[in-house]
PDB file of all heavy atoms in Angstrom:
ATOM      1  N   VAL A   1      29.058   3.733   6.621  1.00  0.00           N
ATOM      2  CA  VAL A   1      27.879   2.895   6.488  1.00  0.00           C
ATOM      3  C   VAL A   1      28.028   1.995   5.270  1.00  0.00           C
ATOM      4  O   VAL A   1      28.878   2.202   4.420  1.00  0.00           O
ATOM      5  CB  VAL A   1      26.591   3.727   6.387  1.00  0.00           C
ATOM      6  CG1 VAL A   1      26.422   4.599   7.632  1.00  0.00           C
ATOM      7  CG2 VAL A   1      26.600   4.595   5.129  1.00  0.00           C
ATOM      8  N   ASN A   2      27.143   1.000   5.203  1.00  0.00           N
ATOM      9  CA  ASN A   2      27.168   0.035   4.103  1.00  0.00           C
ATOM     10  C   ASN A   2      25.773  -0.183   3.574  1.00  0.00           C
ATOM     11  O   ASN A   2      24.785   0.083   4.261  1.00  0.00           O
ATOM     12  CB  ASN A   2      27.738  -1.308   4.594  1.00  0.00           C
ATOM     13  CG  ASN A   2      29.203  -1.214   4.968  1.00  0.00           C
ATOM     14  OD1 ASN A   2      30.034  -0.870   4.171  1.00  0.00           O
ATOM     15  ND2 ASN A   2      29.484  -1.486   6.260  1.00  0.00           N
ATOM     16  N   PRO A   3      25.660  -0.683   2.321  1.00  0.00           N
ATOM     17  CA  PRO A   3      24.332  -1.001   1.798  1.00  0.00           C
ATOM     18  C   PRO A   3      23.643  -2.011   2.713  1.00  0.00           C
ATOM     19  O   PRO A   3      24.312  -2.814   3.378  1.00  0.00           O
ATOM     20  CB  PRO A   3      24.651  -1.614   0.440  1.00  0.00           C
ATOM     21  CG  PRO A   3      26.012  -1.145   0.075  1.00  0.00           C
ATOM     22  CD  PRO A   3      26.739  -0.981   1.369  1.00  0.00           C
ATOM     23  N   ASN A   4      22.321  -1.948   2.757  1.00  0.00           N
ATOM     24  CA  ASN A   4      21.572  -2.947   3.518  1.00  0.00           C
ATOM     25  C   ASN A   4      20.948  -3.994   2.579  1.00  0.00           C
ATOM     26  O   ASN A   4      21.139  -3.926   1.360  1.00  0.00           O
ATOM     27  CB  ASN A   4      20.504  -2.260   4.404  1.00  0.00           C
ATOM     28  CG  ASN A   4      19.510  -1.457   3.603  1.00  0.00           C
ATOM     29  OD1 ASN A   4      18.867  -1.978   2.697  1.00  0.00           O
ATOM     30  ND2 ASN A   4      19.349  -0.183   3.920  1.00  0.00           N
ATOM     31  N   GLN A   5      20.227  -4.939   3.136  1.00  0.00           N
ATOM     32  CA  GLN A   5      19.723  -6.040   2.314  1.00  0.00           C
ATOM     33  C   GLN A   5      18.712  -5.576   1.271  1.00  0.00           C
ATOM     34  O   GLN A   5      18.522  -6.242   0.254  1.00  0.00           O
ATOM     35  CB  GLN A   5      19.085  -7.110   3.216  1.00  0.00           C
ATOM     36  CG  GLN A   5      20.128  -7.903   4.019  1.00  0.00           C
ATOM     37  CD  GLN A   5      21.186  -8.519   3.129  1.00  0.00           C
ATOM     38  OE1 GLN A   5      20.878  -9.178   2.138  1.00  0.00           O
ATOM     39  NE2 GLN A   5      22.474  -8.297   3.472  1.00  0.00           N
ATOM     40  N   ALA A   6      18.075  -4.441   1.502  1.00  0.00           N
ATOM     41  CA  ALA A   6      17.156  -3.913   0.488  1.00  0.00           C
ATOM     42  C   ALA A   6      17.949  -3.460  -0.757  1.00  0.00           C
ATOM     43  O   ALA A   6      17.520  -3.688  -1.890  1.00  0.00           O
ATOM     44  CB  ALA A   6      16.341  -2.751   1.060  1.00  0.00           C
ATOM     45  N   HIS A   7      19.074  -2.798  -0.539  1.00  0.00           N
ATOM     46  CA  HIS A   7      19.911  -2.410  -1.680  1.00  0.00           C
ATOM     47  C   HIS A   7      20.368  -3.646  -2.453  1.00  0.00           C
ATOM     48  O   HIS A   7      20.292  -3.683  -3.684  1.00  0.00           O
ATOM     49  CB  HIS A   7      21.155  -1.640  -1.193  1.00  0.00           C
ATOM     50  CG  HIS A   7      20.858  -0.293  -0.592  1.00  0.00           C
ATOM     51  ND1 HIS A   7      20.907  -0.079   0.765  1.00  0.00           N
ATOM     52  CD2 HIS A   7      20.553   0.911  -1.149  1.00  0.00           C
ATOM     53  CE1 HIS A   7      20.627   1.192   1.020  1.00  0.00           C
ATOM     54  NE2 HIS A   7      20.411   1.806  -0.129  1.00  0.00           N
ATOM     55  N   TYR A   8      20.822  -4.648  -1.714  1.00  0.00           N
ATOM     56  CA  TYR A   8      21.290  -5.866  -2.384  1.00  0.00           C
ATOM     57  C   TYR A   8      20.163  -6.595  -3.088  1.00  0.00           C
ATOM     58  O   TYR A   8      20.353  -7.184  -4.159  1.00  0.00           O
ATOM     59  CB  TYR A   8      21.982  -6.806  -1.371  1.00  0.00           C
ATOM     60  CG  TYR A   8      23.317  -6.306  -0.904  1.00  0.00           C
ATOM     61  CD1 TYR A   8      23.541  -5.919   0.420  1.00  0.00           C
ATOM     62  CD2 TYR A   8      24.390  -6.164  -1.786  1.00  0.00           C
ATOM     63  CE1 TYR A   8      24.780  -5.464   0.871  1.00  0.00           C
ATOM     64  CE2 TYR A   8      25.625  -5.681  -1.366  1.00  0.00           C
ATOM     65  CZ  TYR A   8      25.822  -5.348  -0.035  1.00  0.00           C
ATOM     66  OH  TYR A   8      27.029  -4.859   0.373  1.00  0.00           O
ATOM     67  N   GLY A   9      18.954  -6.546  -2.506  1.00  0.00           N
ATOM     68  CA  GLY A   9      17.789  -7.178  -3.113  1.00  0.00           C
ATOM     69  C   GLY A   9      17.464  -6.554  -4.475  1.00  0.00           C
ATOM     70  O   GLY A   9      17.171  -7.269  -5.453  1.00  0.00           O
ATOM     71  N   LEU A  10      17.514  -5.231  -4.542  1.00  0.00           N
ATOM     72  CA  LEU A  10      17.245  -4.554  -5.824  1.00  0.00           C
ATOM     73  C   LEU A  10      18.316  -4.910  -6.860  1.00  0.00           C
ATOM     74  O   LEU A  10      17.986  -5.131  -8.043  1.00  0.00           O
ATOM     75  CB  LEU A  10      17.209  -3.038  -5.628  1.00  0.00           C
ATOM     76  CG  LEU A  10      16.014  -2.483  -4.859  1.00  0.00           C
ATOM     77  CD1 LEU A  10      16.096  -0.960  -4.775  1.00  0.00           C
ATOM     78  CD2 LEU A  10      14.700  -2.898  -5.494  1.00  0.00           C
ATOM     79  N   ALA A  11      19.560  -4.993  -6.428  1.00  0.00           N
ATOM     80  CA  ALA A  11      20.614  -5.387  -7.364  1.00  0.00           C
ATOM     81  C   ALA A  11      20.388  -6.798  -7.884  1.00  0.00           C
ATOM     82  O   ALA A  11      20.602  -7.092  -9.063  1.00  0.00           O
ATOM     83  CB  ALA A  11      21.971  -5.274  -6.665  1.00  0.00           C
ATOM     84  N   GLN A  12      19.917  -7.667  -7.022  1.00  0.00           N
ATOM     85  CA  GLN A  12      19.638  -9.073  -7.368  1.00  0.00           C
ATOM     86  C   GLN A  12      18.532  -9.178  -8.448  1.00  0.00           C
ATOM     87  O   GLN A  12      18.584 -10.055  -9.276  1.00  0.00           O
ATOM     88  CB  GLN A  12      19.206  -9.826  -6.092  1.00  0.00           C
ATOM     89  CG  GLN A  12      18.904 -11.301  -6.262  1.00  0.00           C
ATOM     90  CD  GLN A  12      18.315 -11.851  -4.954  1.00  0.00           C
ATOM     91  OE1 GLN A  12      18.677 -11.427  -3.847  1.00  0.00           O
ATOM     92  NE2 GLN A  12      17.423 -12.816  -5.086  1.00  0.00           N
ATOM     93  N   LEU A  13      17.571  -8.227  -8.423  1.00  0.00           N
ATOM     94  CA  LEU A  13      16.498  -8.262  -9.398  1.00  0.00           C
ATOM     95  C   LEU A  13      17.011  -8.149 -10.829  1.00  0.00           C
ATOM     96  O   LEU A  13      16.356  -8.543 -11.790  1.00  0.00           O
ATOM     97  CB  LEU A  13      15.496  -7.144  -9.130  1.00  0.00           C
ATOM     98  CG  LEU A  13      14.524  -7.340  -7.962  1.00  0.00           C
ATOM     99  CD1 LEU A  13      13.695  -6.087  -7.751  1.00  0.00           C
ATOM    100  CD2 LEU A  13      13.614  -8.541  -8.211  1.00  0.00           C
ATOM    101  N   GLU A  14      18.219  -7.567 -10.998  1.00  0.00           N
ATOM    102  CA  GLU A  14      18.774  -7.416 -12.338  1.00  0.00           C
ATOM    103  C   GLU A  14      19.068  -8.735 -13.002  1.00  0.00           C
ATOM    104  O   GLU A  14      19.287  -8.816 -14.215  1.00  0.00           O
ATOM    105  CB  GLU A  14      20.026  -6.542 -12.293  1.00  0.00           C
ATOM    106  CG  GLU A  14      19.750  -5.083 -11.943  1.00  0.00           C
ATOM    107  CD  GLU A  14      20.932  -4.166 -12.169  1.00  0.00           C
ATOM    108  OE1 GLU A  14      21.870  -4.550 -12.908  1.00  0.00           O
ATOM    109  OE2 GLU A  14      20.942  -3.050 -11.591  1.00  0.00           O
ATOM    110  N   ASN A  15      19.107  -9.834 -12.209  1.00  0.00           N
ATOM    111  CA  ASN A  15      19.323 -11.174 -12.792  1.00  0.00           C
ATOM    112  C   ASN A  15      18.138 -11.576 -13.675  1.00  0.00           C
ATOM    113  O   ASN A  15      18.306 -12.387 -14.606  1.00  0.00           O
ATOM    114  CB  ASN A  15      19.522 -12.223 -11.704  1.00  0.00           C
ATOM    115  CG  ASN A  15      20.782 -11.986 -10.918  1.00  0.00           C
ATOM    116  OD1 ASN A  15      21.767 -11.427 -11.413  1.00  0.00           O
ATOM    117  ND2 ASN A  15      20.787 -12.379  -9.645  1.00  0.00           N
ATOM    118  N   ASP A  16      16.951 -11.068 -13.391  1.00  0.00           N
ATOM    119  CA  ASP A  16      15.743 -11.518 -14.078  1.00  0.00           C
ATOM    120  C   ASP A  16      14.956 -10.400 -14.763  1.00  0.00           C
ATOM    121  O   ASP A  16      14.028 -10.669 -15.532  1.00  0.00           O
ATOM    122  CB  ASP A  16      14.818 -12.224 -13.090  1.00  0.00           C
ATOM    123  CG  ASP A  16      15.474 -13.422 -12.433  1.00  0.00           C
ATOM    124  OD1 ASP A  16      15.823 -14.372 -13.159  1.00  0.00           O
ATOM    125  OD2 ASP A  16      15.670 -13.389 -11.191  1.00  0.00           O
ATOM    126  N   PHE A  17      15.303  -9.155 -14.474  1.00  0.00           N
ATOM    127  CA  PHE A  17      14.561  -8.026 -15.012  1.00  0.00           C
ATOM    128  C   PHE A  17      15.503  -6.926 -15.466  1.00  0.00           C
ATOM    129  O   PHE A  17      16.649  -6.847 -15.007  1.00  0.00           O
ATOM    130  CB  PHE A  17      13.589  -7.440 -13.974  1.00  0.00           C
ATOM    131  CG  PHE A  17      12.593  -8.404 -13.407  1.00  0.00           C
ATOM    132  CD1 PHE A  17      12.902  -9.113 -12.240  1.00  0.00           C
ATOM    133  CD2 PHE A  17      11.360  -8.593 -14.011  1.00  0.00           C
ATOM    134  CE1 PHE A  17      11.976 -10.034 -11.705  1.00  0.00           C
ATOM    135  CE2 PHE A  17      10.442  -9.475 -13.469  1.00  0.00           C
ATOM    136  CZ  PHE A  17      10.743 -10.204 -12.320  1.00  0.00           C
ATOM    137  N   LYS A  18      14.992  -6.056 -16.339  1.00  0.00           N
ATOM    138  CA  LYS A  18      15.656  -4.781 -16.561  1.00  0.00           C
ATOM    139  C   LYS A  18      15.223  -3.880 -15.413  1.00  0.00           C
ATOM    140  O   LYS A  18      14.007  -3.730 -15.166  1.00  0.00           O
ATOM    141  CB  LYS A  18      15.224  -4.142 -17.896  1.00  0.00           C
ATOM    142  CG  LYS A  18      15.811  -2.768 -18.118  1.00  0.00           C
ATOM    143  CD  LYS A  18      15.267  -2.114 -19.379  1.00  0.00           C
ATOM    144  CE  LYS A  18      15.833  -0.680 -19.524  1.00  0.00           C
ATOM    145  NZ  LYS A  18      15.238   0.004 -20.702  1.00  0.00           N
ATOM    146  N   VAL A  19      16.154  -3.315 -14.667  1.00  0.00           N
ATOM    147  CA  VAL A  19      15.826  -2.532 -13.468  1.00  0.00           C
ATOM    148  C   VAL A  19      16.402  -1.101 -13.597  1.00  0.00           C
ATOM    149  O   VAL A  19      17.603  -0.954 -13.841  1.00  0.00           O
ATOM    150  CB  VAL A  19      16.374  -3.182 -12.185  1.00  0.00           C
ATOM    151  CG1 VAL A  19      16.021  -2.351 -10.961  1.00  0.00           C
ATOM    152  CG2 VAL A  19      15.850  -4.602 -12.025  1.00  0.00           C
ATOM    153  N   SER A  20      15.520  -0.125 -13.441  1.00  0.00           N
ATOM    154  CA  SER A  20      15.976   1.290 -13.420  1.00  0.00           C
ATOM    155  C   SER A  20      15.607   1.856 -12.061  1.00  0.00           C
ATOM    156  O   SER A  20      14.453   1.815 -11.653  1.00  0.00           O
ATOM    157  CB  SER A  20      15.271   2.090 -14.514  1.00  0.00           C
ATOM    158  OG  SER A  20      15.561   1.592 -15.784  1.00  0.00           O
ATOM    159  N   ILE A  21      16.609   2.359 -11.356  1.00  0.00           N
ATOM    160  CA  ILE A  21      16.379   2.969 -10.037  1.00  0.00           C
ATOM    161  C   ILE A  21      16.445   4.472 -10.164  1.00  0.00           C
ATOM    162  O   ILE A  21      17.388   5.029 -10.731  1.00  0.00           O
ATOM    163  CB  ILE A  21      17.438   2.482  -9.013  1.00  0.00           C
ATOM    164  CG1 ILE A  21      17.272   0.971  -8.773  1.00  0.00           C
ATOM    165  CG2 ILE A  21      17.286   3.252  -7.690  1.00  0.00           C
ATOM    166  CD1 ILE A  21      18.338   0.365  -7.929  1.00  0.00           C
ATOM    167  N   ILE A  22      15.405   5.138  -9.725  1.00  0.00           N
ATOM    168  CA  ILE A  22      15.351   6.599  -9.638  1.00  0.00           C
ATOM    169  C   ILE A  22      15.305   6.959  -8.176  1.00  0.00           C
ATOM    170  O   ILE A  22      14.353   6.624  -7.465  1.00  0.00           O
ATOM    171  CB  ILE A  22      14.118   7.153 -10.362  1.00  0.00           C
ATOM    172  CG1 ILE A  22      14.110   6.706 -11.837  1.00  0.00           C
ATOM    173  CG2 ILE A  22      14.063   8.669 -10.253  1.00  0.00           C
ATOM    174  CD1 ILE A  22      12.795   6.969 -12.541  1.00  0.00           C
ATOM    175  N   THR A  23      16.368   7.563  -7.667  1.00  0.00           N
ATOM    176  CA  THR A  23      16.465   7.797  -6.229  1.00  0.00           C
ATOM    177  C   THR A  23      16.512   9.269  -5.886  1.00  0.00           C
ATOM    178  O   THR A  23      17.100  10.082  -6.587  1.00  0.00           O
ATOM    179  CB  THR A  23      17.673   7.048  -5.639  1.00  0.00           C
ATOM    180  OG1 THR A  23      17.631   7.195  -4.204  1.00  0.00           O
ATOM    181  CG2 THR A  23      18.997   7.598  -6.163  1.00  0.00           C
ATOM    182  N   GLN A  24      15.874   9.589  -4.755  1.00  0.00           N
ATOM    183  CA  GLN A  24      15.975  10.938  -4.178  1.00  0.00           C
ATOM    184  C   GLN A  24      17.199  11.007  -3.256  1.00  0.00           C
ATOM    185  O   GLN A  24      17.544  12.091  -2.761  1.00  0.00           O
ATOM    186  CB  GLN A  24      14.722  11.274  -3.382  1.00  0.00           C
ATOM    187  CG  GLN A  24      13.447  11.286  -4.212  1.00  0.00           C
ATOM    188  CD  GLN A  24      12.215  11.491  -3.364  1.00  0.00           C
ATOM    189  OE1 GLN A  24      12.112  12.434  -2.605  1.00  0.00           O
ATOM    190  NE2 GLN A  24      11.259  10.568  -3.480  1.00  0.00           N
ATOM    191  N   ASN A  25      17.831   9.867  -3.014  1.00  0.00           N
ATOM    192  CA  ASN A  25      18.953   9.818  -2.069  1.00  0.00           C
ATOM    193  C   ASN A  25      20.257  10.296  -2.712  1.00  0.00           C
ATOM    194  O   ASN A  25      20.487  10.076  -3.895  1.00  0.00           O
ATOM    195  CB  ASN A  25      19.130   8.410  -1.549  1.00  0.00           C
ATOM    196  CG  ASN A  25      17.919   7.926  -0.777  1.00  0.00           C
ATOM    197  OD1 ASN A  25      17.138   8.755  -0.276  1.00  0.00           O
ATOM    198  ND2 ASN A  25      17.741   6.631  -0.680  1.00  0.00           N
TER     199      ASN A  25
END
């Protein structure tokens, strides 16, 4: 499997914000 557009969207947010992901996955 591969990342979907939601995964890529969150990565893209790092261009403008500090982003911390806490995942149950």
